[in-house]
Protein backbone atom coordinates (compact mmCIF):
# COMPACT_ATOMS: atom_id res chain seq x y z
CA MET A 1 37.33 -10.69 33.81
CA ILE A 2 36.30 -7.85 36.16
CA PRO A 3 32.63 -6.90 35.88
CA THR A 4 31.92 -3.32 34.88
CA MET A 5 29.19 -1.33 36.51
CA SER A 6 27.81 2.17 36.53
CA THR A 7 30.09 4.70 38.18
CA ALA A 8 27.12 6.62 39.56
CA PRO A 9 26.29 4.67 42.75
CA SER A 10 23.56 5.51 45.15
CA SER A 11 24.20 8.68 47.13
CA ARG A 12 22.76 7.36 50.36
CA PHE A 13 26.13 6.10 51.60
CA HIS A 14 28.40 8.66 49.98
CA SER A 15 27.01 12.04 50.99
CA PRO A 16 26.37 13.68 54.36
CA ASN A 17 22.90 12.29 55.01
CA ALA A 18 21.09 9.86 57.28
CA GLY A 19 22.83 6.87 55.64
CA ASN A 20 26.26 8.19 56.55
CA VAL A 21 25.16 8.92 60.10
CA ALA A 22 23.89 5.34 60.42
CA THR A 23 27.17 3.98 59.03
CA VAL A 24 29.30 5.95 61.48
CA THR A 25 27.02 4.98 64.35
CA VAL A 26 27.08 1.23 63.61
CA VAL A 27 30.84 1.03 63.07
CA GLY A 28 31.55 3.28 66.05
CA ILE A 29 29.33 1.25 68.41
CA ALA A 30 30.90 -2.03 67.26
CA PHE A 31 34.43 -0.83 68.04
CA LEU A 32 33.32 0.94 71.22
CA VAL A 33 31.77 -2.28 72.56
CA THR A 34 34.90 -4.20 71.57
CA TRP A 35 37.18 -1.71 73.36
CA ILE A 36 34.97 -1.73 76.47
CA GLY A 37 35.08 -5.53 76.55
CA TYR A 38 38.85 -5.56 76.14
CA LEU A 39 39.39 -3.00 78.93
CA ALA A 40 36.95 -4.81 81.23
CA GLU A 41 38.86 -8.07 80.79
CA ARG A 42 42.16 -6.29 81.54
CA LYS A 43 40.74 -4.64 84.63
CA ALA A 44 39.34 -7.93 85.92
CA GLY A 45 42.72 -9.59 85.47
CA ASP A 46 41.42 -12.02 82.87
CA THR A 47 43.35 -12.96 79.78
CA PRO A 48 41.99 -10.74 76.98
CA THR A 49 40.22 -12.44 74.08
CA PHE A 50 42.71 -10.76 71.74
CA SER A 51 45.88 -8.76 72.22
CA GLY A 52 46.10 -5.02 72.51
CA VAL A 53 48.24 -4.93 69.38
CA ALA A 54 45.56 -6.81 67.42
CA LEU A 55 42.93 -4.41 68.73
CA GLY A 56 45.05 -1.39 67.79
CA VAL A 57 45.72 -2.68 64.28
CA ALA A 58 42.04 -3.59 63.87
CA THR A 59 41.03 -0.11 65.02
CA ALA A 60 43.38 1.50 62.49
CA LEU A 61 41.99 -0.74 59.77
CA GLY A 62 38.50 0.13 61.02
CA ILE A 63 39.17 3.85 60.47
CA ILE A 64 40.27 3.12 56.89
CA TYR A 65 37.23 0.87 56.50
CA LEU A 66 34.90 3.68 57.66
CA ILE A 67 36.54 6.24 55.35
CA LEU A 68 36.05 3.92 52.37
CA LEU A 69 32.44 3.29 53.40
CA LEU A 70 31.76 7.01 53.45
CA ASN A 71 33.83 8.26 50.50
CA GLY A 72 35.52 5.31 48.84
CA TYR A 73 34.10 5.87 45.39
CA ALA A 74 35.37 9.44 45.19
CA LEU A 75 38.80 8.51 46.59
CA LEU A 76 39.38 5.50 44.34
CA ARG A 77 37.77 6.71 41.09
CA PRO A 78 41.01 8.31 39.78
CA LEU A 79 42.76 4.95 40.18
CA ALA A 80 39.99 2.47 39.38
CA GLY A 81 38.09 4.42 36.73
CA ARG A 82 34.95 2.63 35.58
CA HIS A 83 35.72 -0.32 37.90
CA VAL A 84 35.53 1.89 41.00
CA ILE A 85 32.51 0.14 42.51
CA ILE A 86 33.92 -3.38 42.31
CA VAL A 87 37.37 -2.20 43.50
CA THR A 88 36.00 -0.23 46.45
CA LEU A 89 33.72 -3.00 47.66
CA GLY A 90 36.51 -5.55 47.14
CA LEU A 91 38.85 -3.55 49.39
CA LEU A 92 36.11 -3.12 51.97
CA THR A 93 35.48 -6.88 52.01
CA LEU A 94 39.19 -7.60 52.55
CA LEU A 95 39.38 -5.03 55.37
CA LEU A 96 36.29 -6.55 56.97
CA LEU A 97 37.82 -10.04 56.98
CA PHE A 98 41.14 -8.77 58.38
CA ILE A 99 39.37 -6.95 61.20
CA GLU A 100 37.11 -9.90 62.07
CA PHE A 101 40.01 -12.38 62.10
CA LEU A 102 42.18 -10.03 64.17
CA LEU A 103 39.35 -9.68 66.69
CA SER A 104 38.26 -13.32 66.79
CA GLY A 105 35.93 -13.85 69.70
CA ALA A 106 34.67 -10.24 69.84
CA ASN A 107 30.92 -10.67 70.17
CA GLY A 108 29.70 -7.55 68.37
CA ILE A 109 32.38 -6.78 65.80
CA TRP A 110 30.32 -8.41 63.02
CA LEU A 111 28.05 -5.33 63.13
CA ILE A 112 30.58 -3.45 60.97
CA SER A 113 29.62 -5.73 58.06
CA MET A 114 26.08 -4.31 57.88
CA PRO A 115 26.98 -1.05 56.02
CA LEU A 116 29.05 -3.08 53.55
CA ILE A 117 26.13 -5.45 52.96
CA ALA A 118 23.85 -2.46 52.36
CA MET A 119 26.30 -0.99 49.84
CA ALA A 120 26.62 -4.32 48.02
CA ALA A 121 22.83 -4.68 47.88
CA THR A 122 22.56 -1.17 46.46
CA ASP A 123 25.44 -0.98 43.98
CA LEU A 124 26.56 -4.47 42.91
CA PRO A 125 25.04 -6.88 40.38
CA ARG A 126 23.91 -10.28 41.57
CA GLY A 127 27.17 -12.24 41.15
CA PRO A 128 29.60 -9.91 42.97
CA ARG A 129 26.89 -9.14 45.52
CA MET A 130 26.60 -12.80 46.47
CA LEU A 131 30.40 -12.97 46.93
CA VAL A 132 30.28 -10.06 49.39
CA TYR A 133 27.44 -11.73 51.30
CA ALA A 134 29.38 -15.00 51.46
CA ALA A 135 32.56 -13.25 52.66
CA ALA A 136 30.65 -11.35 55.35
CA THR A 137 29.06 -14.59 56.57
CA ALA A 138 32.46 -16.35 56.58
CA GLY A 139 33.87 -13.44 58.61
CA VAL A 140 31.35 -14.31 61.34
CA VAL A 141 31.42 -18.11 61.27
CA LEU A 142 35.14 -18.94 60.85
CA PRO A 143 36.72 -16.55 63.41
CA GLY A 144 34.22 -17.72 66.07
CA TYR A 145 35.01 -21.37 65.43
CA MET A 146 38.77 -20.73 65.31
CA HIS A 147 38.66 -18.92 68.65
CA TYR A 148 36.22 -21.11 70.59
CA GLY A 149 36.53 -24.37 68.68
CA SER A 150 32.77 -24.76 68.91
CA TRP A 151 30.32 -24.93 66.02
CA GLU A 152 27.47 -24.36 68.47
CA TYR A 153 28.85 -20.94 69.42
CA SER A 154 29.49 -20.11 65.76
CA PHE A 155 25.88 -21.13 64.95
CA PHE A 156 24.51 -18.84 67.66
CA ILE A 157 26.57 -15.86 66.43
CA THR A 158 25.63 -16.66 62.82
CA LEU A 159 21.93 -16.78 63.70
CA THR A 160 22.17 -13.29 65.21
CA PHE A 161 24.11 -12.09 62.15
CA VAL A 162 21.54 -13.57 59.73
CA THR A 163 18.70 -11.79 61.54
CA ALA A 164 20.44 -8.44 61.14
CA PHE A 165 21.43 -9.35 57.56
CA VAL A 166 17.81 -10.03 56.56
CA PHE A 167 16.68 -6.77 58.17
CA VAL A 168 19.33 -4.75 56.29
CA ILE A 169 18.48 -6.38 52.94
CA ALA A 170 14.77 -5.73 53.46
CA PHE A 171 15.48 -2.13 54.41
CA VAL A 172 17.69 -1.59 51.36
CA ARG A 173 15.08 -3.05 49.01
CA LEU A 174 12.38 -0.85 50.49
CA THR A 175 14.65 2.18 50.14
CA LYS A 176 15.50 1.31 46.54
CA ALA A 177 11.81 0.86 45.74
CA ALA A 178 11.04 4.25 47.29
CA GLU A 179 13.87 5.89 45.33
CA LEU A 180 12.68 4.24 42.12
CA ALA A 181 9.13 5.44 42.79
CA GLN A 182 10.41 8.96 43.42
CA THR A 183 12.48 8.89 40.24
CA ARG A 184 9.50 7.70 38.24
CA ALA A 185 7.31 10.37 39.82
CA GLU A 186 9.86 13.06 38.93
CA HIS A 187 10.13 11.66 35.40
CA LEU A 188 6.36 11.60 35.03
CA ALA A 189 6.13 15.13 36.41
CA ALA A 190 8.70 16.29 33.86
CA GLU A 191 6.83 14.49 31.08
CA LEU A 192 3.56 16.02 32.26
CA ALA A 193 5.09 19.50 32.27
CA ASP A 194 6.45 18.92 28.77
CA ALA A 195 3.09 17.56 27.62
CA ASN A 196 1.33 20.59 29.08
CA ARG A 197 3.76 22.88 27.29
CA ARG A 198 3.26 21.06 23.98
CA LEU A 199 -0.50 21.02 24.56
CA GLY A 200 -0.38 24.77 24.98
CA ASP A 201 1.56 25.06 21.72
CA PHE A 202 -0.96 22.80 19.98
CA ALA A 203 -3.83 24.88 21.37
CA VAL A 204 -2.28 28.02 19.90
CA GLN A 205 -1.75 26.26 16.56
CA ALA A 206 -5.30 24.91 16.62
CA GLU A 207 -6.65 28.38 17.30
CA GLU A 208 -4.61 29.83 14.44
CA LEU A 209 -5.75 27.01 12.13
CA ALA A 210 -9.38 27.53 13.14
CA THR A 211 -9.02 31.24 12.42
CA MET A 212 -7.50 30.52 9.02
CA GLN A 213 -10.24 28.02 8.17
CA GLU A 214 -12.91 30.51 9.21
CA ARG A 215 -11.29 33.17 7.02
CA ASN A 216 -11.31 30.78 4.06
CA ARG A 217 -14.92 29.94 4.80
CA LEU A 218 -15.83 33.62 4.89
CA ALA A 219 -14.03 34.17 1.61
CA ARG A 220 -15.91 31.27 -0.02
CA GLU A 221 -19.26 32.50 1.24
CA ILE A 222 -18.68 36.07 0.05
CA HIS A 223 -17.38 34.88 -3.31
CA ASP A 224 -20.18 32.38 -3.86
CA ASN A 225 -22.94 34.80 -2.85
CA LEU A 226 -21.78 38.25 -3.88
CA GLY A 227 -19.94 37.06 -7.00
CA HIS A 228 -23.05 35.35 -8.31
CA TYR A 229 -25.36 38.31 -7.81
CA LEU A 230 -22.87 40.86 -9.13
CA THR A 231 -22.37 38.75 -12.26
CA VAL A 232 -26.13 38.64 -12.86
CA ALA A 233 -26.37 42.39 -12.31
CA ASN A 234 -23.47 43.03 -14.67
CA VAL A 235 -25.08 40.93 -17.42
CA GLN A 236 -28.41 42.73 -17.00
CA ILE A 237 -26.77 46.16 -17.07
CA LYS A 238 -24.92 45.28 -20.28
CA ALA A 239 -28.18 44.03 -21.78
CA ALA A 240 -29.87 47.29 -20.81
CA GLN A 241 -27.06 49.27 -22.42
CA ALA A 242 -27.50 47.30 -25.63
CA LEU A 243 -31.30 47.77 -25.65
CA LEU A 244 -31.46 51.32 -24.31
CA MET A 245 -31.95 52.97 -27.70
CA SER A 246 -33.80 50.24 -29.61
CA ASP A 247 -36.07 48.83 -26.91
CA PRO A 248 -36.32 51.05 -23.83
CA ALA A 249 -38.97 48.84 -22.20
CA ARG A 250 -36.74 45.78 -22.24
CA ALA A 251 -33.80 47.92 -21.15
CA ASN A 252 -35.79 49.09 -18.12
CA ALA A 253 -36.74 45.50 -17.35
CA SER A 254 -33.06 44.50 -17.43
CA LEU A 255 -32.18 47.39 -15.14
CA ASP A 256 -34.94 46.30 -12.75
CA LYS A 257 -33.46 42.79 -12.72
CA ALA A 258 -29.98 44.22 -12.14
CA ALA A 259 -31.30 46.28 -9.26
CA GLN A 260 -32.99 43.20 -7.82
CA SER A 261 -29.75 41.23 -8.14
CA THR A 262 -27.84 43.91 -6.28
CA GLN A 263 -30.51 43.90 -3.57
CA ASP A 264 -30.30 40.11 -3.38
CA GLY A 265 -26.52 40.31 -3.24
CA LEU A 266 -26.62 42.84 -0.43
CA ALA A 267 -29.08 40.68 1.47
CA ALA A 268 -26.85 37.64 0.93
CA VAL A 269 -23.80 39.50 2.27
CA ARG A 270 -25.74 40.60 5.32
CA GLN A 271 -26.92 37.05 5.82
CA SER A 272 -23.34 35.75 5.55
CA VAL A 273 -22.10 38.24 8.10
CA SER A 274 -24.93 37.65 10.56
CA SER A 275 -25.26 33.89 10.21
CA LEU A 276 -22.79 32.06 8.03
CA ARG A 277 -24.22 28.70 9.06
CA ASP A 278 -27.63 29.34 7.52
CA SER A 279 -28.02 27.39 4.29
CA PRO A 280 -28.96 29.41 1.16
CA LEU A 281 -31.32 26.55 0.26
CA GLY A 282 -33.63 27.54 3.11
CA ARG A 283 -36.54 25.08 3.20
CA ARG A 284 -36.17 24.18 -0.47
CA THR A 285 -34.94 20.84 -1.74
CA LEU A 286 -31.72 20.75 -3.74
CA PRO A 287 -33.52 20.34 -7.11
CA GLU A 288 -35.79 23.29 -6.25
CA ALA A 289 -32.86 25.51 -5.25
CA ILE A 290 -30.88 24.67 -8.40
CA ALA A 291 -34.01 25.20 -10.50
CA GLN A 292 -34.16 28.75 -9.14
CA LEU A 293 -30.54 29.29 -10.20
CA VAL A 294 -31.48 28.04 -13.68
CA THR A 295 -34.40 30.47 -13.80
CA ASP A 296 -32.12 33.36 -12.82
CA THR A 297 -29.70 32.31 -15.56
CA GLN A 298 -32.46 32.18 -18.17
CA ALA A 299 -33.36 35.76 -17.30
CA SER A 300 -29.93 36.83 -18.57
CA GLY A 301 -30.77 35.48 -22.04
CA LEU A 302 -28.85 32.22 -21.72
CA VAL A 303 -30.68 29.00 -22.50
CA ALA A 304 -30.44 26.84 -19.36
CA GLU A 305 -32.10 23.55 -18.46
CA LEU A 306 -32.02 21.27 -15.42
CA HIS A 307 -32.31 17.50 -15.86
CA ILE A 308 -33.04 15.17 -12.94
CA GLN A 309 -32.05 11.53 -13.28
CA GLY A 310 -33.43 9.00 -10.84
CA GLN A 311 -35.61 9.63 -7.82
CA SER A 312 -34.40 12.53 -5.69
CA TYR A 313 -33.77 11.87 -1.99
CA ALA A 314 -32.61 13.80 1.05
CA LEU A 315 -28.87 14.35 1.41
CA ASP A 316 -26.65 15.53 4.18
CA PRO A 317 -26.96 19.34 4.40
CA ARG A 318 -23.26 19.70 3.65
CA ALA A 319 -23.67 17.74 0.42
CA ASP A 320 -26.73 19.82 -0.53
CA LEU A 321 -24.81 23.05 0.06
CA THR A 322 -21.73 21.86 -1.85
CA LEU A 323 -23.76 20.84 -4.91
CA TYR A 324 -25.74 24.09 -4.79
CA ARG A 325 -22.53 26.15 -4.63
CA ALA A 326 -21.07 24.11 -7.50
CA ALA A 327 -24.11 24.83 -9.69
CA GLN A 328 -24.02 28.48 -8.70
CA GLU A 329 -20.30 28.83 -9.47
CA ALA A 330 -20.56 26.95 -12.77
CA LEU A 331 -23.47 29.11 -13.98
CA THR A 332 -21.66 32.29 -12.96
CA ASN A 333 -18.51 31.22 -14.83
CA THR A 334 -20.56 30.30 -17.88
CA ARG A 335 -22.11 33.77 -18.04
CA LYS A 336 -18.79 35.50 -17.40
CA HIS A 337 -16.26 33.54 -19.45
CA SER A 338 -17.64 30.88 -21.79
CA HIS A 339 -19.48 32.96 -24.46
CA ALA A 340 -22.01 30.12 -24.44
CA SER A 341 -25.58 30.21 -25.68
CA ARG A 342 -26.68 27.14 -23.75
CA VAL A 343 -25.91 25.39 -20.48
CA ASP A 344 -27.32 22.08 -19.24
CA LEU A 345 -27.33 20.90 -15.64
CA THR A 346 -27.80 17.24 -14.74
CA LEU A 347 -28.50 16.12 -11.18
CA ASP A 348 -28.05 12.35 -11.10
CA TYR A 349 -29.67 10.40 -8.24
CA SER A 350 -29.54 7.05 -10.07
CA ARG A 351 -26.70 5.65 -7.92
CA GLU A 352 -27.29 4.81 -4.27
CA ASP A 353 -23.77 5.48 -3.07
CA TYR A 354 -22.93 8.62 -5.03
CA ILE A 355 -24.77 11.70 -6.29
CA THR A 356 -23.43 13.55 -9.30
CA LEU A 357 -23.91 17.07 -10.61
CA ILE A 358 -22.82 17.84 -14.19
CA VAL A 359 -22.83 21.35 -15.63
CA ARG A 360 -21.99 21.53 -19.36
CA ASP A 361 -22.05 24.54 -21.67
CA ASN A 362 -21.47 24.98 -25.41
CA GLY A 363 -19.02 27.81 -25.05
CA ILE A 364 -15.71 28.40 -26.75
CA GLY A 365 -13.77 26.21 -24.33
CA SER A 366 -10.02 26.40 -23.92
CA VAL A 367 -6.88 24.33 -23.55
CA GLU A 368 -7.39 22.73 -20.15
CA LYS A 369 -3.90 23.42 -18.83
CA ASP A 370 -4.42 27.10 -19.69
CA GLN A 371 -7.76 27.22 -17.89
CA PRO A 372 -7.32 29.51 -14.85
CA VAL A 373 -8.40 28.09 -11.52
CA GLY A 374 -10.28 30.75 -9.60
CA PHE A 375 -10.92 30.99 -5.88
CA GLY A 376 -14.47 29.70 -6.37
CA LEU A 377 -13.31 26.43 -7.92
CA LEU A 378 -10.62 26.02 -5.28
CA GLY A 379 -13.26 26.45 -2.59
CA LEU A 380 -15.50 23.89 -4.29
CA GLN A 381 -12.64 21.40 -4.55
CA GLU A 382 -12.01 21.82 -0.83
CA ARG A 383 -15.71 21.33 -0.03
CA ALA A 384 -15.89 18.16 -2.14
CA ARG A 385 -12.68 16.76 -0.67
CA GLN A 386 -13.92 17.32 2.88
CA LEU A 387 -16.95 15.18 2.08
CA GLY A 388 -14.94 12.39 0.46
CA GLY A 389 -15.91 13.39 -3.08
CA GLN A 390 -14.22 15.02 -6.03
CA LEU A 391 -14.59 17.89 -8.50
CA ILE A 392 -13.57 17.33 -12.13
CA THR A 393 -13.33 19.91 -14.88
CA ALA A 394 -13.00 19.25 -18.61
CA THR A 395 -12.63 21.68 -21.51
CA ALA A 396 -11.19 21.88 -24.97
CA PRO A 397 -11.15 24.59 -27.66
CA GLY A 398 -14.55 24.66 -29.35
CA ASN A 399 -16.06 21.99 -27.07
CA GLY A 400 -17.28 24.13 -24.22
CA TYR A 401 -16.71 23.57 -20.53
CA CYS A 402 -17.89 20.78 -18.23
CA LEU A 403 -17.83 20.69 -14.43
CA THR A 404 -18.60 17.45 -12.58
CA VAL A 405 -19.01 17.03 -8.83
CA GLU A 406 -19.35 13.58 -7.29
CA LEU A 407 -20.18 13.16 -3.61
CA PRO A 408 -20.78 10.02 -1.56
CA THR A 409 -24.27 9.88 -0.13
CA HIS A 410 -22.90 8.64 3.20
CA HIS A 411 -19.51 9.90 4.43
CA PRO A 412 -18.08 9.68 7.99
CA ASN A 413 -17.02 13.34 7.90
CA SER A 414 -20.57 14.45 7.12
CA ALA A 415 -22.44 15.14 10.33
CA PRO A 416 -26.20 15.50 9.86
CA GLY A 417 -27.28 19.06 10.20
CA GLU A 418 -23.79 20.50 9.74
CA ASP A 419 -23.07 22.89 6.89
CA ILE A 420 -20.03 24.73 5.76
C-alpha cells in the first residue's frame, strides 16, 4: 500500500528562492568536479574511472534529476495526484542510484544526494524517509566497493558522506523549527488581531449596556422619588377639595402639605439629577427612614403602622436602599389603587441570614393575574434580584394586597458602600 501524504510540500525546494539556488549549486559542482576529473584523466593518458558514454548518460540523468528536484511536484501532480510526494521522491531516488552506479569511483558525485535527503527530511513521513536515507547511503557504499574492491575506501567515502548527511539533517530541522515558529507567530498575530477586533465590539456593547442600565436606573430614581411625592400631593389636594367648603382650616392644612410634597419632590428630582448615588436615607437608619414614610402616609388620612421584629442591625447600603424603595412604592400604590383604610409594615430582623419587609393593606384587592405590574415593581424586582433576594406579591378580591421583599444579609454582589 502506498502511503498518502499532504500535497502541499514545503516551498523551500520548489520555488525560486535560496533553497533552489543551493540545490543547483550542489548538483552543478558535483557534476563539474566529475567532468574535470574525467577530462584530466584523459589528458594525462590514464584510463578513465568510467567511460565517456557513462558520463554522458549520467549527465543527462542528472539534468532530469535536477529538474525534478526543483519542480517535480508540479510536473508530476497531474499524473500522481495525492501520491505526488512519494512518487516524485521515489523517482529521484532511482535516478540518484543510476547516476552513482554509472559513475562508480567518482569521488564527489555523492554530493547530489544532499538535496534529495533534505527534501525527504522535509516532506516524507518517518518510514519512507528512512528508505530514502538507506538508498542514498547504499549509493555511496556499494559503487565504491564495486569499483575499488576495498571496504576501507568505501568506509572513508561513507564517513565523509555521513558528516554531510548529519549537517543537512540538522539544517533541515532547524529550518523546519524556524518555519513552525513563524507560522505560529503569524497564527497568534491573526488571533490577536481577531481578539482585538472582538474586544472592540465587546467594548461598544458594554458601553451600550452601561448606558441602558444607567437609563433604567434614572427611570427608577425618578419614578420612586417623584411618583411618591406627587401621589402624596394629589391625595392632599383631593382632601382639600373635599374639605374646602365644610372645613377651610383643614383644607388649607392639606394644601400646605401638598405644597410641601411638591417642594420635596422637586428637591428629590434635583438631588437625583445632581447626585444619583446619594442615598435618600441620609444618616438615618432603615427603621427611621421607613418610619418617616409611615408618618407621611398617616398625614394623608390612612392608618399606617410600622412593626419591627428582632433587633435591628446595619445592612449593606444597597439592601437598605432596596427595602426603603420597596416600602415607598408599596405605600404609594396603597394610596393610589387599593382603597384601603389601613396599611401595616413589618421589618423582620429575626433571621440572621435574611431580612424581610412585608407591606400589607386591607384594600379591595384583585385577581392576582389581573394585577398590573408597574415600572416601580419591575424596578424593585430587579433591585432584589441583583442582591440575591426576591420580591413576592399576593392579592385576592376582598383580601387586600401584600408585598414581601426578602434579601440576604450577606451577598457577594453587594459591595459595602455601593448603592443603586
